[in-house]
């Protein structure tokens, strides 16, 4: 698929189907592709499985998508915080499913999907409720849990800058899950603050090569 520069966020999220698994970058609001999520709300896809570090903040971004009832299941490492009231309300009412994954495991499961790894053993979570029903194995005297990759139909990520080929660079902590999610989804959509001519970004500074990126759109606030 040829990378496409999109005129607006609605074009960038076109074609996302009901029931899709959507990887959403961000650590809280840092790196959260809010324009893309707002466009996904307008687009109307429902029955989604959302994979993200958090389960939404306040009533914007991912929380707004949850509030519309579009998400069937959330896979995340940090579902509850002081402003996660949208998710809390849905979960307590039995209107949304939750899979809690330790943060390092979440990143590695996504990375494994991008790397073509079928499964891996990890000690994190061994002996806890998070390991119930999972295969375990003792390796070097320590119990490890078998974990499987998390692959997305779509990844919505935020980056700082893209060139016209789709090469991406990130800014500070906004980098977080973006690079691994970009390798692990069938369609990758990047929201960026700036689009520059090809050649402006030093190849040594590129974090996500254009081969992983399908669509790029510039932020409304940029």
Protein backbone atom coordinates (compact mmCIF):
# COMPACT_ATOMS: atom_id res chain seq x y z
CA UNK A 1 0.00 0.00 0.00
CA UNK A 2 1.29 3.46 -0.91
CA UNK A 3 1.55 5.94 1.95
CA UNK A 4 -1.05 8.69 1.66
CA UNK A 5 -0.98 12.25 2.97
CA UNK A 6 -4.53 12.99 4.07
CA UNK A 7 -6.19 16.39 3.91
CA UNK A 8 -8.08 15.87 7.16
CA UNK A 9 -8.52 13.35 9.96
CA UNK A 10 -11.83 12.04 8.61
CA UNK A 11 -10.07 10.88 5.46
CA UNK A 12 -7.32 9.31 7.56
CA UNK A 13 -9.70 7.03 9.52
CA UNK A 14 -11.97 6.13 6.61
CA UNK A 15 -12.63 2.42 6.24
CA UNK A 16 -12.12 1.34 9.86
CA UNK A 17 -14.60 -1.49 10.28
CA UNK A 18 -16.90 -2.51 13.11
CA UNK A 19 -15.23 -5.04 15.38
CA UNK A 20 -11.70 -3.85 14.61
CA UNK A 21 -8.83 -4.04 17.08
CA UNK A 22 -7.45 -0.52 17.31
CA UNK A 23 -4.05 0.22 18.85
CA UNK A 24 -4.07 3.76 20.27
CA UNK A 25 -0.78 5.41 21.14
CA UNK A 26 -0.30 7.67 24.12
CA UNK A 27 0.71 7.65 27.75
CA UNK A 28 -2.18 9.47 29.30
CA UNK A 29 -2.54 12.44 26.96
CA UNK A 30 1.14 12.47 25.94
CA UNK A 31 1.20 11.31 22.34
CA UNK A 32 -2.56 10.69 22.25
CA UNK A 33 -3.82 11.19 18.65
CA UNK A 34 -6.91 13.16 19.69
CA UNK A 35 -7.79 14.40 16.19
CA UNK A 36 -7.85 10.83 14.90
CA UNK A 37 -10.00 9.61 17.78
CA UNK A 38 -12.46 12.47 17.26
CA UNK A 39 -12.60 11.52 13.58
CA UNK A 40 -13.19 7.87 14.51
CA UNK A 41 -16.15 8.99 16.63
CA UNK A 42 -17.58 10.79 13.61
CA UNK A 43 -16.80 7.82 11.36
CA UNK A 44 -19.03 5.58 13.47
CA UNK A 45 -17.14 2.27 13.79
CA UNK A 46 -18.40 0.30 16.78
CA UNK A 47 -17.81 -2.92 18.74
CA UNK A 48 -14.11 -2.02 18.86
CA UNK A 49 -11.33 -3.54 20.93
CA UNK A 50 -9.02 -0.72 21.97
CA UNK A 51 -5.45 -1.42 23.06
CA UNK A 52 -3.80 1.48 24.86
CA UNK A 53 -1.78 2.21 27.97
CA UNK A 54 -4.70 3.97 29.67
CA UNK A 55 -8.49 3.72 29.50
CA UNK A 56 -9.12 7.39 28.83
CA UNK A 57 -8.71 10.73 30.60
CA UNK A 58 -11.51 13.13 31.44
CA UNK A 59 -14.09 13.30 28.66
CA UNK A 60 -11.86 13.88 25.63
CA UNK A 61 -9.89 11.63 23.29
CA UNK A 62 -10.20 7.96 24.13
CA UNK A 63 -12.66 8.69 26.95
CA UNK A 64 -14.98 10.37 24.44
CA UNK A 65 -14.90 7.26 22.25
CA UNK A 66 -15.77 5.09 25.26
CA UNK A 67 -18.59 7.43 26.25
CA UNK A 68 -20.21 6.96 22.83
CA UNK A 69 -20.49 3.23 23.49
CA UNK A 70 -18.28 2.32 20.55
CA UNK A 71 -15.80 0.15 22.47
CA UNK A 72 -16.55 -3.44 23.45
CA UNK A 73 -13.24 -4.17 25.19
CA UNK A 74 -10.24 -2.29 26.51
CA UNK A 75 -6.79 -3.89 26.79
CA UNK A 76 -4.54 -1.68 28.89
CA UNK A 77 -2.09 -1.52 31.78
CA UNK A 78 -3.52 1.42 33.74
CA UNK A 79 -7.34 1.56 33.58
CA UNK A 80 -8.04 3.66 36.67
CA UNK A 81 -6.87 7.12 37.70
CA UNK A 82 -8.45 10.26 39.11
CA UNK A 83 -10.05 11.31 35.82
CA UNK A 84 -10.97 7.90 34.36
CA UNK A 85 -14.61 8.28 35.38
CA UNK A 86 -15.98 7.41 31.93
CA UNK A 87 -14.32 3.99 31.91
CA UNK A 88 -15.11 3.44 35.61
CA UNK A 89 -18.80 4.04 35.02
CA UNK A 90 -18.98 1.74 32.00
CA UNK A 91 -17.05 -1.03 33.73
CA UNK A 92 -19.09 -0.94 36.93
CA UNK A 93 -22.26 -1.07 34.83
CA UNK A 94 -20.99 -4.14 32.96
CA UNK A 95 -21.01 -2.30 29.65
CA UNK A 96 -17.36 -2.82 28.73
CA UNK A 97 -14.80 -5.62 29.02
CA UNK A 98 -11.32 -5.15 30.45
CA UNK A 99 -8.07 -7.05 30.05
CA UNK A 100 -5.34 -5.72 32.33
CA UNK A 101 -1.82 -6.29 31.03
CA UNK A 102 1.32 -5.22 32.94
CA UNK A 103 2.87 -2.25 31.16
CA UNK A 104 6.08 -3.96 30.08
CA UNK A 105 4.13 -7.00 28.90
CA UNK A 106 1.80 -4.76 26.93
CA UNK A 107 4.71 -3.14 25.09
CA UNK A 108 6.41 -6.49 24.49
CA UNK A 109 3.24 -8.22 23.28
CA UNK A 110 2.72 -5.44 20.74
CA UNK A 111 6.41 -5.53 19.75
CA UNK A 112 6.20 -9.30 19.34
CA UNK A 113 3.36 -8.92 16.86
CA UNK A 114 5.47 -6.55 14.79
CA UNK A 115 8.50 -8.84 14.99
CA UNK A 116 6.60 -11.97 13.95
CA UNK A 117 7.15 -13.73 17.28
CA UNK A 118 4.51 -16.39 17.94
CA UNK A 119 4.64 -16.18 21.74
CA UNK A 120 7.11 -15.62 24.56
CA UNK A 121 7.63 -16.46 28.23
CA UNK A 122 7.90 -13.61 30.74
CA UNK A 123 8.13 -13.64 34.56
CA UNK A 124 5.97 -10.55 35.03
CA UNK A 125 2.60 -11.45 36.53
CA UNK A 126 3.60 -14.98 37.55
CA UNK A 127 1.76 -16.08 40.68
CA UNK A 128 -0.88 -13.36 40.38
CA UNK A 129 -4.45 -13.21 39.11
CA UNK A 130 -3.10 -11.96 35.79
CA UNK A 131 -1.55 -15.38 35.16
CA UNK A 132 -4.67 -17.42 35.83
CA UNK A 133 -5.42 -19.86 33.03
CA UNK A 134 -2.12 -19.22 31.28
CA UNK A 135 0.64 -21.72 30.61
CA UNK A 136 3.66 -21.36 32.88
CA UNK A 137 7.17 -22.74 32.77
CA UNK A 138 10.09 -22.59 35.19
CA UNK A 139 13.13 -21.10 33.43
CA UNK A 140 16.41 -20.66 35.33
CA UNK A 141 14.54 -21.37 38.56
CA UNK A 142 11.92 -18.67 38.01
CA UNK A 143 8.29 -19.09 36.94
CA UNK A 144 7.47 -17.54 33.59
CA UNK A 145 4.07 -16.98 31.96
CA UNK A 146 3.34 -17.62 28.29
CA UNK A 147 2.16 -14.42 26.57
CA UNK A 148 0.84 -13.99 23.04
CA UNK A 149 1.31 -11.06 20.63
CA UNK A 150 -1.24 -8.26 20.31
CA UNK A 151 -1.84 -7.33 16.69
CA UNK A 152 -4.06 -4.49 15.53
CA UNK A 153 -6.23 -4.05 12.49
CA UNK A 154 -5.46 -0.34 12.81
CA UNK A 155 -2.96 1.74 14.80
CA UNK A 156 -3.70 5.39 15.56
CA UNK A 157 -0.52 7.08 16.73
CA UNK A 158 0.76 10.59 17.37
CA UNK A 159 4.17 11.79 16.18
CA UNK A 160 5.94 15.13 16.12
CA UNK A 161 7.04 15.31 12.50
CA UNK A 162 6.63 13.36 9.26
CA UNK A 163 8.13 13.83 5.84
CA UNK A 164 6.13 13.31 2.66
CA UNK A 165 7.19 9.68 2.48
CA UNK A 166 5.79 8.99 5.96
CA UNK A 167 8.99 8.72 7.98
CA UNK A 168 8.23 9.70 11.59
CA UNK A 169 10.05 11.28 14.51
CA UNK A 170 8.60 11.78 17.97
CA UNK A 171 9.01 14.35 20.72
CA UNK A 172 10.18 13.27 24.16
CA UNK A 173 7.67 11.18 26.18
CA UNK A 174 5.08 11.45 23.42
CA UNK A 175 7.10 8.70 21.72
CA UNK A 176 5.90 6.01 24.19
CA UNK A 177 3.93 3.24 22.39
CA UNK A 178 3.95 4.79 18.92
CA UNK A 179 7.00 2.99 17.49
CA UNK A 180 5.93 -0.53 18.52
CA UNK A 181 2.29 0.02 17.54
CA UNK A 182 3.40 1.18 14.09
CA UNK A 183 4.96 -2.25 13.48
CA UNK A 184 2.01 -4.27 14.77
CA UNK A 185 -1.04 -3.14 12.79
CA UNK A 186 -2.31 -3.81 9.29
CA UNK A 187 -3.08 -0.11 8.74
CA UNK A 188 -1.09 2.61 10.51
CA UNK A 189 -2.40 6.17 10.71
CA UNK A 190 -0.18 8.92 12.12
CA UNK A 191 -1.27 12.32 13.37
CA UNK A 192 1.67 14.76 13.30
CA UNK A 193 2.31 18.34 14.22
CA UNK A 194 4.37 19.06 11.13
CA UNK A 195 4.86 17.64 7.65
CA UNK A 196 8.16 18.47 5.95
CA UNK A 197 9.66 17.73 2.55
CA UNK A 198 11.37 14.38 2.07
CA UNK A 199 15.04 14.74 2.92
CA UNK A 200 14.56 17.34 5.67
CA UNK A 201 14.58 14.69 8.40
CA UNK A 202 18.03 13.21 8.97
CA UNK A 203 17.70 9.48 8.22
CA UNK A 204 19.59 8.76 11.44
CA UNK A 205 16.82 10.53 13.39
CA UNK A 206 13.93 8.57 11.89
CA UNK A 207 12.25 6.40 14.55
CA UNK A 208 9.42 4.88 12.51
CA UNK A 209 10.38 4.29 8.86
CA UNK A 210 7.80 5.06 6.21
CA UNK A 211 7.44 1.39 5.29
CA UNK A 212 5.26 0.97 8.39
CA UNK A 213 3.05 4.03 7.80
CA UNK A 214 -0.04 4.05 5.58
CA UNK A 215 -1.61 7.46 6.22
CA UNK A 216 -0.42 10.76 7.67
CA UNK A 217 -2.49 13.79 8.64
CA UNK A 218 -1.42 17.09 10.18
CA UNK A 219 -2.96 18.13 13.50
CA UNK A 220 -5.70 20.72 13.46
CA UNK A 221 -3.86 22.61 16.20
CA UNK A 222 -0.49 22.57 14.42
